Amino acid sequence: MAEVDIYTNKGCSACVRAKHLLDSKGITYTEKKLGKSKKTDAEFSIRTRGAKTIPQIFINNEWIGGYDELISYDQAGELNWRLGLEQKPRVGFLKSFFRFMKGEKY
């Protein structure tokens, strides 16, 4: 299983949806609540390069992004292998090349 960190804040509906998606997949994650500790807030700022939105999600110390990116990975069929639930799918050269050109992570 993957190591998942999710930075959240009180009253964030996107945070609740992201946690629900991870819960539905049986994933254990570490929730780091912003505003509770200066150390966590500083860690968030450094790891996300000053992101202004939440949630922000890391899978195996790789910054995935927020809820929208999490859903994009799931819809593309990549989230399960990133979470260690499936083997990494084989991707053809052209698809890899176009993802690279678009700046996507894969």
C-alpha atoms as a PDB file:
ATOM      1  CA  MET A   1       0.000   0.000   0.000  1.00  0.00           C
ATOM      2  CA  ALA A   2       1.036   3.536  -0.682  1.00  0.00           C
ATOM      3  CA  GLU A   3       1.825   6.148   1.924  1.00  0.00           C
ATOM      4  CA  VAL A   4      -0.741   8.937   1.549  1.00  0.00           C
ATOM      5  CA  ASP A   5      -0.698  12.376   3.186  1.00  0.00           C
ATOM      6  CA  ILE A   6      -3.639  14.733   2.775  1.00  0.00           C
ATOM      7  CA  TYR A   7      -3.600  18.327   3.974  1.00  0.00           C
ATOM      8  CA  THR A   8      -7.060  19.530   4.968  1.00  0.00           C
ATOM      9  CA  ASN A   9      -8.880  22.313   6.704  1.00  0.00           C
ATOM     10  CA  LYS A  10     -12.078  22.513   8.734  1.00  0.00           C
ATOM     11  CA  GLY A  11     -15.210  23.002   6.652  1.00  0.00           C
ATOM     12  CA  CYS A  12     -13.617  21.998   3.327  1.00  0.00           C
ATOM     13  CA  SER A  13     -16.085  20.025   1.208  1.00  0.00           C
ATOM     14  CA  ALA A  14     -13.399  19.034  -1.336  1.00  0.00           C
ATOM     15  CA  CYS A  15     -11.340  17.625   1.548  1.00  0.00           C
ATOM     16  CA  VAL A  16     -14.296  15.523   2.667  1.00  0.00           C
ATOM     17  CA  ARG A  17     -14.815  14.222  -0.894  1.00  0.00           C
ATOM     18  CA  ALA A  18     -11.107  13.374  -1.283  1.00  0.00           C
ATOM     19  CA  LYS A  19     -11.064  11.486   2.016  1.00  0.00           C
ATOM     20  CA  HIS A  20     -14.283   9.691   1.045  1.00  0.00           C
ATOM     21  CA  LEU A  21     -12.723   8.533  -2.238  1.00  0.00           C
ATOM     22  CA  LEU A  22      -9.633   7.243  -0.421  1.00  0.00           C
ATOM     23  CA  ASP A  23     -11.826   5.569   2.216  1.00  0.00           C
ATOM     24  CA  SER A  24     -13.900   3.876  -0.506  1.00  0.00           C
ATOM     25  CA  LYS A  25     -10.695   2.332  -1.856  1.00  0.00           C
ATOM     26  CA  GLY A  26      -9.672   1.111   1.609  1.00  0.00           C
ATOM     27  CA  ILE A  27      -6.660   3.424   1.743  1.00  0.00           C
ATOM     28  CA  THR A  28      -5.173   4.463   5.057  1.00  0.00           C
ATOM     29  CA  TYR A  29      -3.919   8.045   4.966  1.00  0.00           C
ATOM     30  CA  THR A  30      -2.424  10.609   7.282  1.00  0.00           C
ATOM     31  CA  GLU A  31      -4.612  13.685   7.554  1.00  0.00           C
ATOM     32  CA  LYS A  32      -2.696  16.855   8.336  1.00  0.00           C
ATOM     33  CA  LYS A  33      -5.042  19.622   9.458  1.00  0.00           C
ATOM     34  CA  LEU A  34      -3.919  23.129   8.638  1.00  0.00           C
ATOM     35  CA  GLY A  35      -4.214  25.860  11.252  1.00  0.00           C
ATOM     36  CA  LYS A  36      -3.568  23.485  14.160  1.00  0.00           C
ATOM     37  CA  SER A  37       0.212  23.798  14.243  1.00  0.00           C
ATOM     38  CA  LYS A  38       2.778  26.188  12.803  1.00  0.00           C
ATOM     39  CA  LYS A  39       4.982  23.210  11.978  1.00  0.00           C
ATOM     40  CA  THR A  40       2.249  21.590   9.844  1.00  0.00           C
ATOM     41  CA  ASP A  41       1.441  24.909   8.153  1.00  0.00           C
ATOM     42  CA  ALA A  42       5.114  25.492   7.307  1.00  0.00           C
ATOM     43  CA  GLU A  43       5.501  21.904   6.072  1.00  0.00           C
ATOM     44  CA  PHE A  44       2.436  22.398   3.836  1.00  0.00           C
ATOM     45  CA  SER A  45       3.826  25.606   2.378  1.00  0.00           C
ATOM     46  CA  ILE A  46       7.190  24.021   1.600  1.00  0.00           C
ATOM     47  CA  ARG A  47       5.862  20.717   0.209  1.00  0.00           C
ATOM     48  CA  THR A  48       3.255  22.411  -2.004  1.00  0.00           C
ATOM     49  CA  ARG A  49       5.408  25.370  -3.008  1.00  0.00           C
ATOM     50  CA  GLY A  50       2.907  27.751  -1.462  1.00  0.00           C
ATOM     51  CA  ALA A  51      -0.339  26.227  -2.746  1.00  0.00           C
ATOM     52  CA  LYS A  52      -3.409  28.291  -1.898  1.00  0.00           C
ATOM     53  CA  THR A  53      -6.039  25.555  -2.142  1.00  0.00           C
ATOM     54  CA  ILE A  54      -6.884  22.451  -0.180  1.00  0.00           C
ATOM     55  CA  PRO A  55      -6.875  19.551  -0.054  1.00  0.00           C
ATOM     56  CA  GLN A  56      -3.354  18.844  -1.244  1.00  0.00           C
ATOM     57  CA  ILE A  57      -2.485  15.189  -1.586  1.00  0.00           C
ATOM     58  CA  PHE A  58       0.809  13.307  -1.633  1.00  0.00           C
ATOM     59  CA  ILE A  59       1.125   9.647  -2.605  1.00  0.00           C
ATOM     60  CA  ASN A  60       4.483   8.082  -1.708  1.00  0.00           C
ATOM     61  CA  ASN A  61       5.862  11.610  -1.233  1.00  0.00           C
ATOM     62  CA  GLU A  62       4.851  12.586  -4.782  1.00  0.00           C
ATOM     63  CA  TRP A  63       2.684  15.685  -4.910  1.00  0.00           C
ATOM     64  CA  ILE A  64      -0.503  14.700  -6.724  1.00  0.00           C
ATOM     65  CA  GLY A  65      -2.323  18.004  -6.273  1.00  0.00           C
ATOM     66  CA  GLY A  66      -5.843  18.613  -5.046  1.00  0.00           C
ATOM     67  CA  TYR A  67      -9.201  16.912  -5.293  1.00  0.00           C
ATOM     68  CA  ASP A  68      -9.591  17.641  -9.021  1.00  0.00           C
ATOM     69  CA  GLU A  69      -6.250  15.995  -9.793  1.00  0.00           C
ATOM     70  CA  LEU A  70      -7.135  13.009  -7.592  1.00  0.00           C
ATOM     71  CA  ILE A  71     -10.353  12.543  -9.592  1.00  0.00           C
ATOM     72  CA  SER A  72      -8.454  12.959 -12.876  1.00  0.00           C
ATOM     73  CA  TYR A  73      -6.055  10.177 -11.907  1.00  0.00           C
ATOM     74  CA  ASP A  74      -8.986   7.976 -10.927  1.00  0.00           C
ATOM     75  CA  GLN A  75     -10.844   8.617 -14.190  1.00  0.00           C
ATOM     76  CA  ALA A  76      -7.679   7.943 -16.187  1.00  0.00           C
ATOM     77  CA  GLY A  77      -7.308   4.572 -14.447  1.00  0.00           C
ATOM     78  CA  GLU A  78      -4.030   5.565 -12.785  1.00  0.00           C
ATOM     79  CA  LEU A  79      -5.051   6.144  -9.184  1.00  0.00           C
ATOM     80  CA  ASN A  80      -5.298   2.495  -8.184  1.00  0.00           C
ATOM     81  CA  TRP A  81      -1.759   1.671  -9.273  1.00  0.00           C
ATOM     82  CA  ARG A  82      -0.423   4.833  -7.650  1.00  0.00           C
ATOM     83  CA  LEU A  83      -2.096   3.651  -4.443  1.00  0.00           C
ATOM     84  CA  GLY A  84      -0.579   0.185  -4.816  1.00  0.00           C
ATOM     85  CA  LEU A  85      -3.919  -1.505  -5.493  1.00  0.00           C
ATOM     86  CA  GLU A  86      -3.015  -2.636  -9.034  1.00  0.00           C
ATOM     87  CA  GLN A  87       0.044  -3.093 -11.196  1.00  0.00           C
ATOM     88  CA  LYS A  88       1.138  -0.139 -13.297  1.00  0.00           C
ATOM     89  CA  PRO A  89      -0.565  -0.313 -16.694  1.00  0.00           C
ATOM     90  CA  ARG A  90       1.555  -0.427 -19.809  1.00  0.00           C
ATOM     91  CA  VAL A  91       1.414   2.827 -21.714  1.00  0.00           C
ATOM     92  CA  GLY A  92       2.435   3.057 -25.342  1.00  0.00           C
ATOM     93  CA  PHE A  93       5.215   5.318 -26.551  1.00  0.00           C
ATOM     94  CA  LEU A  94       2.922   7.876 -28.212  1.00  0.00           C
ATOM     95  CA  LYS A  95       0.672   8.221 -25.189  1.00  0.00           C
ATOM     96  CA  SER A  96       3.739   8.654 -22.969  1.00  0.00           C
ATOM     97  CA  PHE A  97       5.205  11.210 -25.352  1.00  0.00           C
ATOM     98  CA  PHE A  98       2.016  13.295 -25.449  1.00  0.00           C
ATOM     99  CA  ARG A  99       1.708  13.195 -21.669  1.00  0.00           C
ATOM    100  CA  PHE A 100       5.308  14.340 -21.386  1.00  0.00           C
ATOM    101  CA  MET A 101       4.678  17.205 -23.838  1.00  0.00           C
ATOM    102  CA  LYS A 102       1.610  18.294 -21.843  1.00  0.00           C
ATOM    103  CA  GLY A 103       3.646  18.219 -18.621  1.00  0.00           C
ATOM    104  CA  GLU A 104       1.560  15.465 -17.052  1.00  0.00           C
ATOM    105  CA  LYS A 105       2.928  13.126 -14.410  1.00  0.00           C
ATOM    106  CA  TYR A 106       2.826   9.434 -15.192  1.00  0.00           C
END
